Amino acid sequence: ISGYSLVVQARDSGTPPLSSSVTVNVDISDVNDNSPVFTPANYTAVIQENKPVGTSILQLVVTDKDSFHNGPPFTFNILTGNEEEEFTLDPHGVLRSAVIFKHMVSTEYVLCVQAKDSGKPQQVSHTYVQVRVIEESIHKPTAIPLEIFIVTMEDDFPGGVIGKIHATDQDVYDVLTYTLKSEQKSLFKVNSHDGKIIALGGLDNGKYVLNVSVSDGRFQVPIDVVVHVEQLLQEMLQNTVTIRFENVSPEDFVGLHMHGFRRTLRNAVLSQKQDSLHIISIQPVAGSSQLDMLFAVQMHSGGFYKPAYLIQKLANARRHLENVIRISAILEKNCSGLDCQEQHCEQSLSIDSHSLMTYSTARISFVCPRFYRNVRCMC
């Protein structure tokens, strides 16, 4: 307890008795009676040979139960094991290389490290750090090519995470870093640590080929990343049909079924090869394991297929489509729960282009806006 606040009353012996009160604040000052604590108590780290001077090897983590003026900042020193000055330790507790290590010269170092707190008198703790020198990378990283499809409403793309590069390395201790060629950084970014790809706002319609590479510190490997951006037209929303799938997650649909189903769907409904199939959005049906896919078909001349025509085509080809994935329902409008007949049910569809859903797999990522149905009876 760092302090107490007491109210003290004095009362005299007169008739009637008179009294007065005063507040007394008692502050409990901290004594530096706790030593710094290393977490974990001892450390093990590795460094590959031939890494440049200044390579970060380890971050020491130290806490202190005393109040702030008796705790950090801490002072670090290497007491033993660094007689040849192969290591440095900065004021933040980061252990770095001071030489270029060779696996043939020495494979292991054991350092005794001291941490002092800022109290008076200072409290001291020790930890041991075992550093192993391992051979440098012999395997190149491997990465899976990534294709990203972004659907956005006209010029209203807000930006965000659109996918993630999946890369591995057979060298156990390799740390992979990701980079993007500088001239593309005005439109995209890549997180250097985890490979997440971020698109900035305002992407135009079209195809973007990103020059991304992954490095293990020795080898650098290029990765094929292609981004397709499709901007929706308002007229599409008035000519949509929904296919509802049974027992499939969005990620499984994108990674396992989307390419095959798109090809089968094109063959089933397109009258001419020049016509275009647009998958507008996919999203889970709340409270179920079903998935809705919203699509429209644009004619080469510019107009759109009417929903009734698409539903008739889908009905004729349903058995063929279900060879790819199980279909629960084909909907022009979803009026379930309304007490009126289908012909009296009116549906309006709205797109929230600022609420993007990203379904990412190792090879394909699909980014689309959330959609909402509003239905009412016109009877």
Protein backbone atom coordinates (compact mmCIF):
# COMPACT_ATOMS: atom_id res chain seq x y z
CA ILE A 1 0.00 0.00 0.00
CA SER A 2 1.61 3.23 -1.13
CA GLY A 3 -0.26 5.59 1.21
CA TYR A 4 -3.03 6.21 3.75
CA SER A 5 -5.44 9.10 4.16
CA LEU A 6 -6.67 9.55 7.78
CA VAL A 7 -9.32 11.90 9.12
CA VAL A 8 -8.46 12.89 12.76
CA GLN A 9 -11.02 14.60 15.00
CA ALA A 10 -10.36 16.59 18.21
CA ARG A 11 -13.30 17.07 20.61
CA ASP A 12 -13.23 19.27 23.77
CA SER A 13 -14.94 18.67 27.18
CA GLY A 14 -17.26 21.65 27.13
CA THR A 15 -21.03 21.69 27.05
CA PRO A 16 -21.97 21.27 24.31
CA PRO A 17 -18.66 19.67 23.12
CA LEU A 18 -17.09 21.31 20.10
CA SER A 19 -14.93 19.48 17.58
CA SER A 20 -12.70 19.99 14.58
CA SER A 21 -11.28 17.59 11.98
CA VAL A 22 -8.10 17.46 9.94
CA THR A 23 -6.93 15.14 7.14
CA VAL A 24 -3.56 13.46 7.59
CA ASN A 25 -1.94 11.94 4.51
CA VAL A 26 0.72 9.31 5.16
CA ASP A 27 2.91 8.37 2.20
CA ILE A 28 4.80 5.07 2.37
CA SER A 29 8.12 5.56 0.61
CA ASP A 30 9.63 2.62 -1.24
CA VAL A 31 12.82 1.00 -0.02
CA ASN A 32 14.94 -0.66 -2.69
CA ASP A 33 14.55 -4.17 -1.29
CA ASN A 34 13.88 -6.12 -4.52
CA SER A 35 16.54 -7.22 -6.96
CA PRO A 36 15.96 -7.11 -10.73
CA VAL A 37 14.46 -10.33 -12.10
CA PHE A 38 15.51 -11.87 -15.43
CA THR A 39 12.81 -13.66 -17.45
CA PRO A 40 13.66 -16.45 -18.09
CA ALA A 41 16.25 -17.04 -15.35
CA ASN A 42 18.86 -18.15 -17.92
CA TYR A 43 19.06 -17.76 -21.70
CA THR A 44 20.02 -19.79 -24.75
CA ALA A 45 20.63 -18.14 -28.12
CA VAL A 46 22.16 -18.93 -31.50
CA ILE A 47 24.01 -16.92 -34.12
CA GLN A 48 24.98 -18.06 -37.58
CA GLU A 49 28.60 -17.75 -38.61
CA ASN A 50 29.60 -14.94 -40.98
CA LYS A 51 26.80 -12.64 -39.76
CA PRO A 52 27.90 -8.97 -39.85
CA VAL A 53 29.16 -7.14 -36.76
CA GLY A 54 26.25 -5.67 -34.81
CA THR A 55 23.84 -8.55 -35.48
CA SER A 56 21.21 -8.77 -32.73
CA ILE A 57 21.49 -12.07 -30.84
CA LEU A 58 19.18 -11.71 -27.83
CA GLN A 59 16.92 -9.29 -25.97
CA LEU A 60 17.20 -9.52 -22.18
CA VAL A 61 13.93 -9.04 -20.29
CA VAL A 62 14.23 -7.62 -16.74
CA THR A 63 11.54 -6.53 -14.25
CA ASP A 64 11.64 -5.08 -10.72
CA LYS A 65 8.94 -5.15 -8.02
CA ASP A 66 10.10 -1.85 -6.50
CA SER A 67 8.59 1.49 -7.47
CA PHE A 68 9.74 3.14 -10.67
CA HIS A 69 12.58 5.20 -9.13
CA ASN A 70 14.09 2.05 -7.60
CA GLY A 71 13.64 -0.08 -10.74
CA PRO A 72 14.50 0.81 -14.36
CA PRO A 73 16.46 1.98 -16.18
CA PHE A 74 18.77 -0.96 -15.61
CA THR A 75 22.51 -1.05 -16.12
CA PHE A 76 23.84 -4.15 -17.90
CA ASN A 77 27.35 -5.58 -17.84
CA ILE A 78 28.98 -8.77 -19.10
CA LEU A 79 31.03 -10.04 -16.14
CA THR A 80 32.61 -13.18 -17.57
CA GLY A 81 32.83 -15.05 -20.88
CA ASN A 82 33.59 -11.96 -22.99
CA GLU A 83 37.31 -11.71 -22.41
CA GLU A 84 38.01 -11.45 -26.16
CA GLU A 85 35.22 -8.83 -26.51
CA GLU A 86 33.20 -10.84 -29.02
CA PHE A 87 29.91 -9.37 -27.68
CA THR A 88 28.42 -6.00 -26.78
CA LEU A 89 25.41 -5.28 -24.57
CA ASP A 90 23.54 -2.02 -25.12
CA PRO A 91 21.65 -0.02 -22.43
CA HIS A 92 18.35 -1.62 -23.55
CA GLY A 93 19.61 -5.16 -22.85
CA VAL A 94 20.19 -6.19 -26.48
CA LEU A 95 23.13 -8.57 -26.90
CA ARG A 96 24.93 -8.04 -30.23
CA SER A 97 27.91 -9.50 -32.04
CA ALA A 98 31.16 -7.52 -31.97
CA VAL A 99 33.05 -9.85 -34.32
CA ILE A 100 32.26 -12.10 -37.28
CA PHE A 101 31.92 -15.56 -35.74
CA LYS A 102 33.36 -18.72 -37.29
CA HIS A 103 31.88 -22.10 -36.48
CA MET A 104 35.30 -23.76 -36.84
CA VAL A 105 36.89 -21.41 -34.26
CA SER A 106 34.36 -21.85 -31.45
CA THR A 107 30.88 -23.35 -31.29
CA GLU A 108 29.74 -22.09 -27.89
CA TYR A 109 30.12 -19.16 -25.48
CA VAL A 110 28.78 -18.83 -21.92
CA LEU A 111 28.35 -15.29 -20.64
CA CYS A 112 27.56 -14.15 -17.10
CA VAL A 113 25.47 -10.97 -17.34
CA GLN A 114 24.72 -8.55 -14.51
CA ALA A 115 21.77 -6.17 -14.20
CA LYS A 116 21.72 -3.28 -11.69
CA ASP A 117 18.60 -1.26 -10.84
CA SER A 118 18.42 2.51 -10.28
CA GLY A 119 17.82 2.43 -6.51
CA LYS A 120 20.11 3.53 -3.70
CA PRO A 121 21.80 1.33 -2.73
CA GLN A 122 21.59 -0.55 -6.02
CA GLN A 123 20.30 -4.14 -6.16
CA VAL A 124 22.02 -6.60 -8.48
CA SER A 125 21.01 -9.81 -10.32
CA HIS A 126 22.85 -12.21 -12.59
CA THR A 127 21.93 -14.49 -15.46
CA TYR A 128 23.83 -16.87 -17.71
CA VAL A 129 23.57 -16.67 -21.49
CA GLN A 130 24.63 -19.62 -23.63
CA VAL A 131 25.35 -18.57 -27.23
CA ARG A 132 25.83 -21.28 -29.86
CA VAL A 133 27.56 -20.52 -33.16
CA ILE A 134 25.99 -22.51 -35.99
CA GLU A 135 26.88 -22.90 -39.64
CA GLU A 136 25.51 -20.31 -42.04
CA SER A 137 22.45 -20.92 -44.19
CA ILE A 138 22.79 -23.64 -46.78
CA HIS A 139 19.17 -23.71 -47.99
CA LYS A 140 17.35 -20.99 -49.91
CA PRO A 141 13.91 -19.95 -48.63
CA THR A 142 10.96 -21.30 -50.59
CA ALA A 143 7.79 -19.27 -51.10
CA ILE A 144 4.41 -19.98 -52.65
CA PRO A 145 3.22 -17.64 -55.45
CA LEU A 146 0.22 -15.59 -54.33
CA GLU A 147 -2.71 -14.31 -56.39
CA ILE A 148 -4.97 -11.68 -54.79
CA PHE A 149 -8.43 -10.66 -56.01
CA ILE A 150 -9.85 -7.38 -54.68
CA VAL A 151 -13.46 -6.36 -55.32
CA THR A 152 -14.29 -2.77 -54.45
CA MET A 153 -17.10 -0.31 -55.07
CA GLU A 154 -15.97 2.12 -57.77
CA ASP A 155 -13.19 4.42 -56.40
CA ASP A 156 -13.95 3.71 -52.75
CA PHE A 157 -11.25 1.23 -51.67
CA PRO A 158 -10.17 2.03 -48.08
CA GLY A 159 -7.04 -0.13 -48.02
CA GLY A 160 -5.92 -2.76 -45.51
CA VAL A 161 -4.36 -6.24 -45.25
CA ILE A 162 -5.10 -8.13 -48.48
CA GLY A 163 -3.07 -11.32 -48.07
CA LYS A 164 -0.01 -13.00 -46.60
CA ILE A 165 3.04 -14.57 -48.22
CA HIS A 166 3.76 -18.11 -47.04
CA ALA A 167 7.49 -18.90 -47.02
CA THR A 168 9.61 -21.56 -45.31
CA ASP A 169 13.27 -22.39 -44.89
CA GLN A 170 14.90 -25.75 -44.11
CA ASP A 171 17.57 -24.02 -42.01
CA VAL A 172 15.99 -24.24 -38.56
CA TYR A 173 17.31 -20.97 -37.14
CA ASP A 174 16.89 -18.79 -40.21
CA VAL A 175 14.81 -15.65 -39.70
CA LEU A 176 12.99 -14.62 -42.88
CA THR A 177 12.46 -11.01 -43.88
CA TYR A 178 10.25 -9.69 -46.70
CA THR A 179 10.87 -6.65 -48.90
CA LEU A 180 8.99 -4.83 -51.64
CA LYS A 181 10.67 -2.92 -54.46
CA SER A 182 10.73 0.76 -53.55
CA GLU A 183 8.82 2.15 -56.54
CA GLN A 184 5.70 0.16 -55.56
CA LYS A 185 5.58 1.44 -51.98
CA SER A 186 3.20 4.26 -52.93
CA LEU A 187 0.44 1.66 -53.46
CA PHE A 188 1.42 -1.37 -51.36
CA LYS A 189 3.44 -2.31 -48.29
CA VAL A 190 4.82 -5.64 -47.06
CA ASN A 191 5.36 -6.35 -43.37
CA SER A 192 9.04 -7.27 -43.22
CA HIS A 193 8.53 -9.78 -40.38
CA ASP A 194 5.43 -11.81 -41.25
CA GLY A 195 4.92 -11.23 -45.00
CA LYS A 196 1.49 -9.58 -44.72
CA ILE A 197 0.66 -7.49 -47.79
CA ILE A 198 -1.08 -4.17 -47.16
CA ALA A 199 -2.77 -2.15 -49.90
CA LEU A 200 -3.10 1.58 -49.47
CA GLY A 201 -6.36 3.36 -50.23
CA GLY A 202 -7.59 4.37 -53.66
CA LEU A 203 -6.42 1.47 -55.86
CA ASP A 204 -7.53 1.78 -59.46
CA ASN A 205 -9.12 -1.00 -61.52
CA GLY A 206 -6.55 -3.31 -63.08
CA LYS A 207 -3.71 -5.78 -62.53
CA TYR A 208 -0.64 -5.14 -60.36
CA VAL A 209 2.48 -7.35 -60.33
CA LEU A 210 4.45 -6.85 -57.10
CA ASN A 211 8.22 -7.33 -56.90
CA VAL A 212 8.44 -9.02 -53.49
CA SER A 213 11.42 -10.98 -52.19
CA VAL A 214 12.14 -13.08 -49.09
CA SER A 215 15.59 -13.31 -47.54
CA ASP A 216 17.17 -15.49 -44.85
CA GLY A 217 20.12 -13.11 -44.52
CA ARG A 218 22.21 -14.96 -47.09
CA PHE A 219 19.89 -15.97 -49.93
CA GLN A 220 17.24 -13.74 -51.49
CA VAL A 221 14.37 -15.31 -53.44
CA PRO A 222 11.75 -13.47 -55.56
CA ILE A 223 8.06 -14.25 -55.04
CA ASP A 224 5.34 -13.91 -57.65
CA VAL A 225 2.51 -11.77 -56.21
CA VAL A 226 -0.24 -10.66 -58.59
CA VAL A 227 -3.07 -8.36 -57.46
CA HIS A 228 -6.29 -8.04 -59.49
CA VAL A 229 -8.53 -5.08 -58.63
CA GLU A 230 -12.13 -5.05 -59.91
CA GLN A 231 -14.39 -2.06 -59.35
CA LEU A 232 -18.13 -2.76 -59.13
CA LEU A 233 -20.78 -0.79 -60.97
CA GLN A 234 -23.99 0.23 -59.23
CA GLU A 235 -25.99 -1.48 -61.99
CA MET A 236 -24.46 -4.85 -61.00
CA LEU A 237 -26.25 -4.77 -57.64
CA GLN A 238 -29.64 -4.70 -59.34
CA ASN A 239 -28.87 -7.86 -61.33
CA THR A 240 -27.32 -10.16 -58.75
CA VAL A 241 -28.06 -13.77 -57.90
CA THR A 242 -26.94 -15.55 -54.74
CA ILE A 243 -25.72 -19.14 -54.65
CA ARG A 244 -25.81 -20.55 -51.12
CA PHE A 245 -23.34 -23.34 -50.38
CA GLU A 246 -23.64 -25.97 -47.66
CA ASN A 247 -20.94 -26.74 -45.06
CA VAL A 248 -18.03 -24.73 -46.42
CA SER A 249 -15.91 -21.98 -44.87
CA PRO A 250 -14.95 -18.86 -46.88
CA GLU A 251 -11.25 -19.84 -46.75
CA ASP A 252 -11.97 -23.37 -48.02
CA PHE A 253 -14.14 -22.00 -50.82
CA VAL A 254 -11.44 -19.52 -51.89
CA GLY A 255 -8.55 -21.98 -51.61
CA LEU A 256 -10.17 -25.19 -52.85
CA HIS A 257 -13.26 -24.42 -54.95
CA MET A 258 -13.36 -20.85 -56.29
CA HIS A 259 -11.33 -21.32 -59.50
CA GLY A 260 -13.06 -24.57 -60.42
CA PHE A 261 -16.55 -23.33 -59.57
CA ARG A 262 -16.02 -20.06 -61.47
CA ARG A 263 -15.02 -22.03 -64.58
CA THR A 264 -18.01 -24.41 -64.27
CA LEU A 265 -20.36 -21.48 -63.62
CA ARG A 266 -19.13 -19.62 -66.70
CA ASN A 267 -19.80 -22.66 -68.86
CA ALA A 268 -23.28 -23.02 -67.34
CA VAL A 269 -24.64 -19.47 -67.66
CA LEU A 270 -22.66 -17.47 -70.25
CA SER A 271 -24.27 -17.16 -73.68
CA GLN A 272 -21.09 -15.82 -75.28
CA LYS A 273 -17.47 -16.30 -74.29
CA GLN A 274 -16.90 -12.54 -74.34
CA ASP A 275 -19.42 -12.02 -71.51
CA SER A 276 -17.99 -11.46 -68.02
CA LEU A 277 -18.78 -13.24 -64.75
CA HIS A 278 -18.32 -11.00 -61.68
CA ILE A 279 -18.10 -12.52 -58.18
CA ILE A 280 -19.14 -9.54 -56.09
CA SER A 281 -18.83 -10.92 -52.58
CA ILE A 282 -18.80 -14.05 -50.47
CA GLN A 283 -19.81 -14.06 -46.82
CA PRO A 284 -20.94 -16.60 -44.21
CA VAL A 285 -24.63 -16.88 -43.35
CA ALA A 286 -24.96 -15.85 -39.70
CA GLY A 287 -25.60 -18.69 -37.28
CA SER A 288 -24.96 -21.47 -39.81
CA SER A 289 -22.24 -23.30 -41.73
CA GLN A 290 -23.58 -21.95 -45.04
CA LEU A 291 -21.87 -19.50 -47.36
CA ASP A 292 -23.42 -16.99 -49.77
CA MET A 293 -21.74 -16.08 -53.05
CA LEU A 294 -23.13 -13.00 -54.77
CA PHE A 295 -22.51 -12.70 -58.52
CA ALA A 296 -23.65 -10.95 -61.67
CA VAL A 297 -22.97 -11.48 -65.39
CA GLN A 298 -22.17 -8.62 -67.73
CA MET A 299 -22.76 -8.87 -71.46
CA HIS A 300 -20.01 -7.95 -73.90
CA SER A 301 -22.28 -5.14 -75.13
CA GLY A 302 -22.38 -3.60 -71.62
CA GLY A 303 -25.73 -4.66 -70.16
CA PHE A 304 -26.35 -7.36 -67.53
CA TYR A 305 -28.12 -10.70 -67.55
CA LYS A 306 -31.43 -10.51 -65.70
CA PRO A 307 -31.62 -12.50 -62.42
CA ALA A 308 -34.58 -14.58 -63.65
CA TYR A 309 -32.59 -15.71 -66.71
CA LEU A 310 -29.57 -16.61 -64.53
CA ILE A 311 -31.72 -18.60 -62.09
CA GLN A 312 -33.22 -20.59 -64.96
CA LYS A 313 -29.75 -21.35 -66.32
CA LEU A 314 -28.52 -22.34 -62.84
CA ALA A 315 -31.49 -24.61 -62.24
CA ASN A 316 -30.74 -26.48 -65.48
CA ALA A 317 -27.05 -26.83 -64.59
CA ARG A 318 -27.41 -27.44 -60.85
CA ARG A 319 -26.44 -31.11 -60.93
CA HIS A 320 -23.34 -30.27 -62.95
CA LEU A 321 -22.40 -27.44 -60.55
CA GLU A 322 -22.78 -29.74 -57.54
CA ASN A 323 -20.01 -31.93 -58.94
CA VAL A 324 -17.72 -29.14 -57.70
CA ILE A 325 -19.40 -28.13 -54.42
CA ARG A 326 -22.74 -28.79 -52.69
CA ILE A 327 -25.36 -26.08 -53.23
CA SER A 328 -28.01 -25.37 -50.60
CA ALA A 329 -30.10 -22.81 -52.52
CA ILE A 330 -30.15 -20.44 -55.51
CA LEU A 331 -31.68 -17.08 -54.57
CA GLU A 332 -32.59 -13.97 -56.47
CA LYS A 333 -33.91 -12.49 -53.24
CA ASN A 334 -34.06 -13.98 -49.79
CA CYS A 335 -37.48 -13.28 -48.29
CA SER A 336 -37.49 -16.04 -45.69
CA GLY A 337 -39.33 -14.99 -42.56
CA LEU A 338 -41.65 -12.57 -44.34
CA ASP A 339 -45.35 -13.42 -44.45
CA CYS A 340 -45.88 -12.67 -48.12
CA GLN A 341 -45.56 -14.42 -51.45
CA GLU A 342 -42.37 -14.23 -53.55
CA GLN A 343 -43.92 -11.96 -56.16
CA HIS A 344 -44.84 -9.40 -53.47
CA CYS A 345 -41.41 -9.43 -51.85
CA GLU A 346 -39.06 -6.59 -52.72
CA GLN A 347 -35.36 -6.71 -52.00
CA SER A 348 -32.72 -3.99 -52.04
CA LEU A 349 -29.04 -4.79 -51.82
CA SER A 350 -26.44 -2.51 -50.26
CA ILE A 351 -22.65 -2.78 -50.25
CA ASP A 352 -20.47 -1.50 -47.41
CA SER A 353 -17.22 -0.81 -49.23
CA HIS A 354 -15.51 0.30 -46.00
CA SER A 355 -16.15 -3.07 -44.32
CA LEU A 356 -13.83 -5.35 -46.25
CA MET A 357 -13.55 -9.10 -45.66
CA THR A 358 -10.22 -10.76 -46.46
CA TYR A 359 -10.20 -14.52 -46.99
CA SER A 360 -6.56 -15.52 -47.34
CA THR A 361 -4.97 -18.88 -48.13
CA ALA A 362 -1.42 -19.80 -49.07
CA ARG A 363 -2.04 -19.39 -52.83
CA ILE A 364 -5.16 -17.24 -53.22
CA SER A 365 -6.57 -14.29 -51.32
CA PHE A 366 -10.03 -12.82 -51.94
CA VAL A 367 -10.95 -9.36 -50.61
CA CYS A 368 -14.54 -8.21 -50.96
CA PRO A 369 -17.01 -5.78 -49.39
CA ARG A 370 -19.70 -6.86 -46.94
CA PHE A 371 -23.24 -6.82 -48.36
CA TYR A 372 -26.64 -6.42 -46.73
CA ARG A 373 -30.12 -7.44 -47.88
CA ASN A 374 -33.17 -5.37 -47.02
CA VAL A 375 -36.48 -7.08 -47.81
CA ARG A 376 -40.09 -5.93 -47.36
CA CYS A 377 -43.59 -6.98 -48.37
CA MET A 378 -45.31 -4.93 -51.09
CA CYS A 379 -48.69 -6.73 -50.80
